[in-house]
Protein backbone atom coordinates (compact mmCIF):
# COMPACT_ATOMS: atom_id res chain seq x y z
CA MET A 1 -32.84 76.39 -161.89
CA ASN A 2 -33.39 72.65 -161.85
CA ASN A 3 -33.56 72.02 -165.57
CA PRO A 4 -32.01 74.92 -167.52
CA CYS A 5 -32.83 75.20 -171.21
CA VAL A 6 -32.06 77.73 -173.89
CA ILE A 7 -34.86 79.28 -175.93
CA TYR A 8 -34.64 81.61 -178.89
CA THR A 9 -36.87 82.74 -181.72
CA THR A 10 -35.92 81.32 -185.10
CA ALA A 11 -35.86 83.28 -188.35
CA GLU A 12 -39.23 81.63 -189.16
CA GLY A 13 -40.75 83.04 -185.98
CA THR A 14 -41.00 79.81 -184.01
CA VAL A 15 -39.40 79.15 -180.65
CA ALA A 16 -36.44 76.79 -180.60
CA VAL A 17 -35.73 74.95 -177.36
CA VAL A 18 -32.23 73.65 -176.69
CA VAL A 19 -31.99 71.08 -173.92
CA PRO A 20 -28.40 70.54 -172.78
CA THR A 21 -27.06 67.07 -172.20
CA GLY A 22 -24.98 68.14 -169.22
CA GLU A 23 -21.65 67.68 -171.00
CA LYS A 24 -21.21 71.45 -171.37
CA SER A 25 -22.34 74.40 -169.31
CA ILE A 26 -25.59 76.05 -170.32
CA GLU A 27 -23.62 79.11 -171.48
CA GLU A 28 -21.42 76.93 -173.71
CA VAL A 29 -24.52 75.26 -175.14
CA ALA A 30 -26.06 78.65 -175.91
CA ALA A 31 -22.84 79.87 -177.55
CA LYS A 32 -22.67 76.71 -179.68
CA ASP A 33 -26.32 76.24 -180.65
CA VAL A 34 -27.93 79.68 -180.86
CA PRO A 35 -27.53 81.25 -184.32
CA GLU A 36 -25.41 84.36 -184.51
CA GLY A 37 -27.47 87.47 -183.91
CA ALA A 38 -30.37 85.63 -182.27
CA THR A 39 -31.44 86.74 -178.82
CA TYR A 40 -31.81 83.92 -176.35
CA GLN A 41 -32.85 83.26 -172.79
CA ILE A 42 -31.79 80.63 -170.32
CA ILE A 43 -34.95 79.45 -168.57
CA ASP A 44 -36.08 76.63 -166.33
CA GLY A 45 -37.42 73.73 -168.40
CA ALA A 46 -40.47 73.72 -166.13
CA ASN A 47 -41.48 76.98 -167.86
CA ILE A 48 -41.89 75.28 -171.23
CA PRO A 49 -45.38 73.94 -172.00
CA SER A 50 -45.55 70.17 -171.63
CA ASP A 51 -48.49 70.02 -174.05
CA ARG A 52 -47.21 70.30 -177.64
CA TYR A 53 -50.67 70.76 -179.21
CA PHE A 54 -49.95 74.39 -180.09
CA ARG A 55 -46.18 74.02 -180.50
CA ASP A 56 -46.18 76.26 -183.58
CA ALA A 57 -47.82 79.04 -181.54
CA TRP A 58 -45.08 79.18 -178.92
CA VAL A 59 -43.44 82.55 -178.32
CA ALA A 60 -40.59 83.52 -176.04
CA GLY A 61 -41.94 85.24 -172.94
CA LYS A 62 -39.99 86.67 -170.05
CA GLY A 63 -38.35 83.63 -168.49
CA LYS A 64 -40.83 81.21 -170.05
CA VAL A 65 -42.47 80.00 -173.24
CA ASP A 66 -45.95 81.39 -173.82
CA ILE A 67 -48.61 80.43 -176.36
CA ASP A 68 -49.70 83.22 -178.70
CA LEU A 69 -53.52 83.14 -178.72
CA ASP A 70 -53.89 84.45 -182.29
CA LYS A 71 -51.45 81.83 -183.59
CA ALA A 72 -53.28 79.14 -181.57
CA LYS A 73 -56.55 80.22 -183.19
CA GLN A 74 -54.97 79.94 -186.65
CA ILE A 75 -53.78 76.43 -185.79
CA GLY A 76 -57.24 75.63 -184.43
CA HIS A 77 -58.84 76.72 -187.69
CA ARG A 78 -56.42 74.54 -189.69
CA ILE A 79 -57.35 71.57 -187.52
CA ARG A 80 -61.06 72.42 -187.83
CA ARG A 81 -60.79 72.54 -191.63
CA ALA A 82 -59.06 69.15 -191.66
CA TYR A 83 -61.83 67.64 -189.52
CA ARG A 84 -64.46 69.20 -191.80
CA ALA A 85 -62.74 67.86 -194.93
CA ALA A 86 -62.74 64.36 -193.45
CA TRP A 87 -66.48 64.61 -192.74
CA PHE A 88 -67.21 65.97 -196.24
CA GLU A 89 -65.19 63.28 -197.98
CA GLN A 90 -67.88 60.58 -197.90
CA TYR A 91 -70.39 62.96 -199.50
CA ASP A 92 -68.01 64.61 -201.98
CA ASP A 93 -67.81 61.51 -204.16
CA ILE A 94 -71.60 61.15 -204.26
CA ILE A 95 -72.03 64.75 -205.37
CA ALA A 96 -69.02 65.09 -207.65
CA LYS A 97 -69.33 61.72 -209.36
CA GLN A 98 -73.14 61.44 -209.31
CA ILE A 99 -72.76 57.82 -208.17
CA PRO A 100 -75.88 55.82 -209.06
CA GLY A 101 -77.84 54.41 -206.16
CA ASN A 102 -76.87 57.30 -203.87
CA ASP A 103 -79.25 60.06 -202.93
CA PHE A 104 -77.79 63.38 -204.09
CA ASP A 105 -80.25 65.43 -202.01
CA ALA A 106 -79.53 63.45 -198.84
CA ALA A 107 -75.79 63.88 -199.40
CA GLU A 108 -76.19 67.63 -199.88
CA ALA A 109 -78.38 67.86 -196.75
CA SER A 110 -75.66 66.07 -194.78
CA ARG A 111 -73.05 68.46 -196.17
CA ALA A 112 -75.20 71.43 -195.11
CA LYS A 113 -75.40 70.04 -191.57
CA ILE A 114 -71.62 69.57 -191.51
CA ARG A 115 -71.08 73.14 -192.75
CA GLN A 116 -73.26 74.48 -189.92
CA VAL A 117 -71.56 72.39 -187.23
CA PHE A 118 -68.14 73.57 -188.34
CA ALA A 119 -69.30 77.19 -188.68
CA ASP A 120 -70.36 76.99 -185.03
CA ILE A 121 -66.95 75.52 -184.13
CA GLN A 122 -65.27 78.38 -186.02
CA THR A 123 -67.30 80.92 -184.03
CA ALA A 124 -66.36 79.20 -180.76
CA ILE A 125 -62.66 79.20 -181.67
CA ASP A 126 -62.82 82.89 -182.56
CA ALA A 127 -64.41 83.65 -179.17
CA ALA A 128 -61.94 81.51 -177.18
CA LYS A 129 -59.92 83.32 -174.52
CA THR A 130 -57.21 80.68 -173.98
CA PRO A 131 -55.37 78.03 -176.01
CA GLU A 132 -56.77 75.41 -173.62
CA GLU A 133 -60.28 76.50 -174.54
CA ILE A 134 -59.47 76.14 -178.26
CA LYS A 135 -58.09 72.65 -177.72
CA ASP A 136 -61.17 71.67 -175.72
CA ILE A 137 -63.48 72.97 -178.48
CA LEU A 138 -61.61 70.94 -181.10
CA GLU A 139 -61.34 67.76 -179.05
CA THR A 140 -65.00 67.92 -177.99
CA ASN A 141 -66.33 68.51 -181.48
CA LYS A 142 -64.14 66.47 -183.80
CA PHE A 143 -66.68 63.61 -183.88
CA GLN A 144 -69.88 65.67 -183.66
CA ALA A 145 -70.58 66.34 -187.34
CA SER A 146 -72.29 63.07 -188.16
């Protein structure tokens, strides 16, 4: 193992990664840093995803860190909703405040278009087979609602 690390699942269900400094053996690091009662693994650091996009979806696999697809989809939907909220924001004031000089019907038509775009994104996320596919859907579509 070129780059040993310790991984364990926290009480909150996320994966903690402990990277030793080299001052202590990996076993000493595990004994010091892993909470009592937690199961841990010593794995090669190369088996930890380098992309942190779905960090909260990481799960301890056998000798590696995997990405849980259902958790990645939940994260994808949170990101999608944030994108959608940002696109709605410019029209929300027009509709909510009835700002003079702004076309209410045009604002509502724009909001309807945004709703459809993000409904299609939601469908694509739900159908995704990999976390990479979810990320690609989000990155490709985050500017498409206008």
